[in-house]
Protein backbone atom coordinates (compact mmCIF):
# COMPACT_ATOMS: atom_id res chain seq x y z
CA MET A 1 -91.90 76.34 -57.75
CA GLU A 2 -95.44 76.84 -58.38
CA ARG A 3 -97.26 74.00 -60.31
CA LYS A 4 -98.95 74.91 -63.83
CA MET A 5 -102.53 75.37 -63.83
CA LYS A 6 -104.53 72.86 -66.04
CA VAL A 7 -107.26 74.07 -68.03
CA ALA A 8 -110.00 71.73 -69.78
CA LEU A 9 -110.56 73.03 -73.28
CA ILE A 10 -114.07 72.13 -73.99
CA TYR A 11 -115.36 71.87 -77.62
CA GLY A 12 -118.84 72.91 -77.60
CA SER A 13 -120.13 71.25 -80.72
CA ASN A 14 -120.32 67.46 -81.78
CA ARG A 15 -121.91 68.15 -85.28
CA GLU A 16 -120.21 66.21 -88.47
CA GLY A 17 -118.02 68.96 -90.52
CA ARG A 18 -118.00 71.17 -87.43
CA PHE A 19 -115.98 74.47 -87.49
CA CYS A 20 -115.20 74.03 -83.68
CA ASP A 21 -112.18 71.94 -84.61
CA THR A 22 -110.71 75.00 -86.38
CA VAL A 23 -111.41 77.52 -83.61
CA ALA A 24 -110.56 75.06 -80.69
CA LYS A 25 -107.28 74.26 -82.44
CA TRP A 26 -106.45 78.11 -82.79
CA ALA A 27 -107.37 78.51 -78.92
CA ALA A 28 -105.16 75.58 -77.93
CA ALA A 29 -102.13 77.07 -79.88
CA GLU A 30 -102.73 80.50 -78.06
CA ILE A 31 -102.97 78.71 -74.72
CA ALA A 32 -99.87 76.82 -75.36
CA ARG A 33 -98.00 79.91 -76.68
CA GLN A 34 -98.93 81.92 -73.58
CA GLY A 35 -97.49 79.03 -71.30
CA MET A 36 -99.49 79.41 -68.12
CA PHE A 37 -101.70 76.44 -68.42
CA THR A 38 -101.39 72.89 -69.48
CA VAL A 39 -104.36 72.00 -71.61
CA GLU A 40 -106.51 68.63 -71.60
CA VAL A 41 -109.21 68.62 -74.63
CA VAL A 42 -112.60 67.65 -73.72
CA ASP A 43 -114.68 66.71 -76.86
CA PRO A 44 -118.16 65.57 -76.76
CA ALA A 45 -117.74 63.95 -80.18
CA ALA A 46 -115.10 61.54 -78.60
CA LEU A 47 -117.32 60.90 -75.59
CA GLU A 48 -120.42 58.29 -75.37
CA LEU A 49 -122.52 60.16 -72.93
CA PRO A 50 -126.01 59.02 -72.16
CA GLY A 51 -128.71 60.72 -73.98
CA ARG A 52 -130.91 61.02 -70.91
CA TYR A 53 -130.18 61.48 -67.28
CA GLU A 54 -129.44 58.40 -65.27
CA GLN A 55 -129.96 57.96 -61.69
CA LYS A 56 -126.67 56.01 -61.61
CA ALA A 57 -123.71 57.34 -63.56
CA GLY A 58 -122.11 55.11 -66.07
CA ALA A 59 -118.43 54.64 -66.63
CA GLU A 60 -118.30 57.33 -69.53
CA VAL A 61 -120.02 59.79 -67.05
CA LEU A 62 -117.64 58.74 -64.20
CA ALA A 63 -114.56 58.96 -66.45
CA LEU A 64 -115.70 62.76 -67.58
CA ASN A 65 -116.28 63.53 -64.02
CA GLU A 66 -112.86 62.82 -62.96
CA ARG A 67 -111.34 64.20 -65.92
CA LEU A 68 -113.01 67.74 -65.06
CA ALA A 69 -112.47 67.29 -61.44
CA GLY A 70 -108.85 67.58 -62.20
CA ALA A 71 -109.14 70.92 -64.11
CA ASP A 72 -108.44 74.12 -62.33
CA ALA A 73 -110.21 76.07 -64.97
CA PHE A 74 -112.23 75.62 -68.01
CA ILE A 75 -112.18 77.53 -71.54
CA VAL A 76 -115.43 76.47 -73.58
CA VAL A 77 -115.21 76.69 -77.40
CA THR A 78 -118.75 77.36 -78.41
CA PRO A 79 -120.56 78.02 -81.60
CA GLU A 80 -124.19 79.70 -81.62
CA TYR A 81 -126.82 77.53 -83.25
CA ASN A 82 -130.19 79.47 -83.51
CA HIS A 83 -129.47 82.10 -80.79
CA GLY A 84 -128.22 79.55 -78.36
CA TYR A 85 -125.30 76.92 -77.60
CA PRO A 86 -125.62 73.27 -78.70
CA ALA A 87 -127.47 70.40 -77.08
CA SER A 88 -124.39 68.39 -77.10
CA LEU A 89 -122.60 70.93 -74.54
CA LYS A 90 -125.61 71.23 -72.16
CA LEU A 91 -125.46 67.45 -71.95
CA LEU A 92 -121.64 67.56 -71.29
CA ILE A 93 -122.32 70.15 -68.60
CA ASP A 94 -125.12 68.53 -66.99
CA ALA A 95 -123.56 65.17 -66.93
CA VAL A 96 -121.64 66.13 -63.90
CA HIS A 97 -121.80 68.61 -61.03
CA THR A 98 -119.24 69.19 -58.42
CA PRO A 99 -116.23 69.46 -61.04
CA TRP A 100 -117.59 72.91 -61.88
CA GLN A 101 -117.82 74.41 -58.50
CA ALA A 102 -115.56 77.15 -57.29
CA LYS A 103 -113.50 77.09 -60.78
CA PRO A 104 -113.24 79.91 -63.48
CA VAL A 105 -114.80 79.44 -66.80
CA ALA A 106 -113.75 81.41 -70.08
CA PHE A 107 -115.19 81.25 -73.32
CA VAL A 108 -114.18 81.51 -76.90
CA SER A 109 -117.27 81.85 -79.22
CA TYR A 110 -117.92 82.15 -82.88
CA GLY A 111 -120.89 82.31 -84.99
CA GLY A 112 -122.53 84.44 -87.56
CA ILE A 113 -122.99 88.23 -86.95
CA SER A 114 -123.18 88.10 -82.99
CA GLY A 115 -119.92 85.83 -82.92
CA GLY A 116 -121.55 83.61 -80.53
CA LEU A 117 -122.12 86.02 -77.82
CA ARG A 118 -125.93 85.05 -77.22
CA ALA A 119 -124.54 81.48 -76.40
CA VAL A 120 -122.04 82.82 -73.93
CA GLU A 121 -124.83 84.96 -72.14
CA GLN A 122 -126.91 81.81 -71.78
CA LEU A 123 -123.85 79.62 -70.65
CA ARG A 124 -123.16 82.22 -67.86
CA GLN A 125 -126.69 81.61 -66.34
CA VAL A 126 -125.78 77.72 -66.38
CA PHE A 127 -122.33 77.87 -65.11
CA ALA A 128 -123.69 80.35 -62.31
CA GLU A 129 -126.02 77.86 -61.08
CA LEU A 130 -123.12 75.21 -60.95
CA HIS A 131 -121.09 77.79 -58.83
CA ALA A 132 -118.71 78.44 -61.37
CA VAL A 133 -117.30 81.94 -61.81
CA THR A 134 -117.41 83.15 -65.64
CA LEU A 135 -115.17 85.66 -66.80
CA ARG A 136 -116.27 88.78 -68.33
CA ASP A 137 -113.53 88.76 -70.98
CA CYS A 138 -113.97 86.38 -73.87
CA VAL A 139 -112.77 85.81 -77.46
CA SER A 140 -115.45 86.06 -79.91
CA PHE A 141 -115.42 85.46 -83.73
CA SER A 142 -118.03 86.95 -85.61
CA ASN A 143 -118.73 85.48 -88.99
CA ALA A 144 -115.90 83.04 -88.13
CA TRP A 145 -115.80 81.42 -91.51
CA GLN A 146 -114.44 84.43 -93.17
CA GLN A 147 -111.90 85.17 -90.41
CA PHE A 148 -109.61 81.79 -90.74
CA ASN A 149 -108.25 80.70 -94.20
CA GLU A 150 -108.27 76.96 -95.41
CA ALA A 151 -105.49 76.20 -93.37
CA GLY A 152 -107.16 77.20 -90.01
CA GLU A 153 -105.02 80.31 -89.56
CA LEU A 154 -106.49 83.74 -88.73
CA ARG A 155 -106.30 86.27 -91.49
CA GLU A 156 -106.03 88.95 -89.15
CA PRO A 157 -104.68 87.50 -86.25
CA GLU A 158 -103.64 90.40 -83.79
CA PRO A 159 -107.06 91.64 -82.48
CA ALA A 160 -107.93 87.98 -81.54
CA ARG A 161 -104.42 87.25 -80.07
CA LYS A 162 -104.82 90.50 -77.95
CA ALA A 163 -108.19 89.47 -76.75
CA MET A 164 -106.93 85.81 -75.96
CA ALA A 165 -103.94 87.23 -73.94
CA LEU A 166 -106.27 89.49 -71.88
CA MET A 167 -108.62 86.58 -71.23
CA LEU A 168 -105.98 84.11 -70.36
CA SER A 169 -104.34 86.57 -67.88
CA ARG A 170 -107.49 87.14 -65.97
CA LEU A 171 -108.00 83.34 -66.20
CA GLY A 172 -104.87 82.80 -64.58
CA TRP A 173 -105.65 85.19 -61.83
CA TRP A 174 -108.91 83.65 -61.06
CA THR A 175 -107.68 79.91 -61.34
CA LYS A 176 -104.76 80.61 -58.89
CA ALA A 177 -106.97 82.68 -56.50
CA LEU A 178 -109.65 79.97 -56.46
CA ARG A 179 -107.49 77.16 -56.35
CA ASP A 180 -105.80 78.56 -53.24
CA ALA A 181 -109.13 78.97 -51.77
CA ARG A 182 -110.33 75.72 -52.42
CA GLU A 183 -107.08 74.30 -51.12
CA ALA A 184 -107.41 76.42 -47.84
CA THR A 185 -111.24 75.89 -47.40
CA PRO A 186 -113.10 73.08 -49.45
CA TYR A 187 -115.90 74.37 -51.28
CA LYS A 188 -119.23 72.90 -50.01
């Protein structure tokens, strides 16, 4: 029996009153509904990462490194702020290095008219430098605040569910392929 793949669902915002909670909860429910992955939530608002690079990693960075190293894949839920991704997400990404290597990264983005896609395109460059593999397919919510109701449910769920199902299917393929490759030959 093949073991379930573990995905780290990374919240991209730590702002007070953030909309990220709504989008990430939807994403987590869809991942669970699909059943291919187990989910570990990584929320920068719950971490106490240092505000600057430290020569010797502290306990919080070491714990984050261990959590991310245990993931087979990543899904980043990112807003777009001022045509880019949040500083808290960059801090989380830069805090560790090797856990990203030779693993797939998918994106669920949200924002105004662009739906967070400009943030995703910038993140693709960052993850390429970290030797991660980003998926082309993503889920994007333009004018996200209008797409979800007060209970955090999508008003028109089918288009997003269809996009998420495709993304998760492809993430599953890449996760298995890269996990098998890392087990056969460690990535250096």
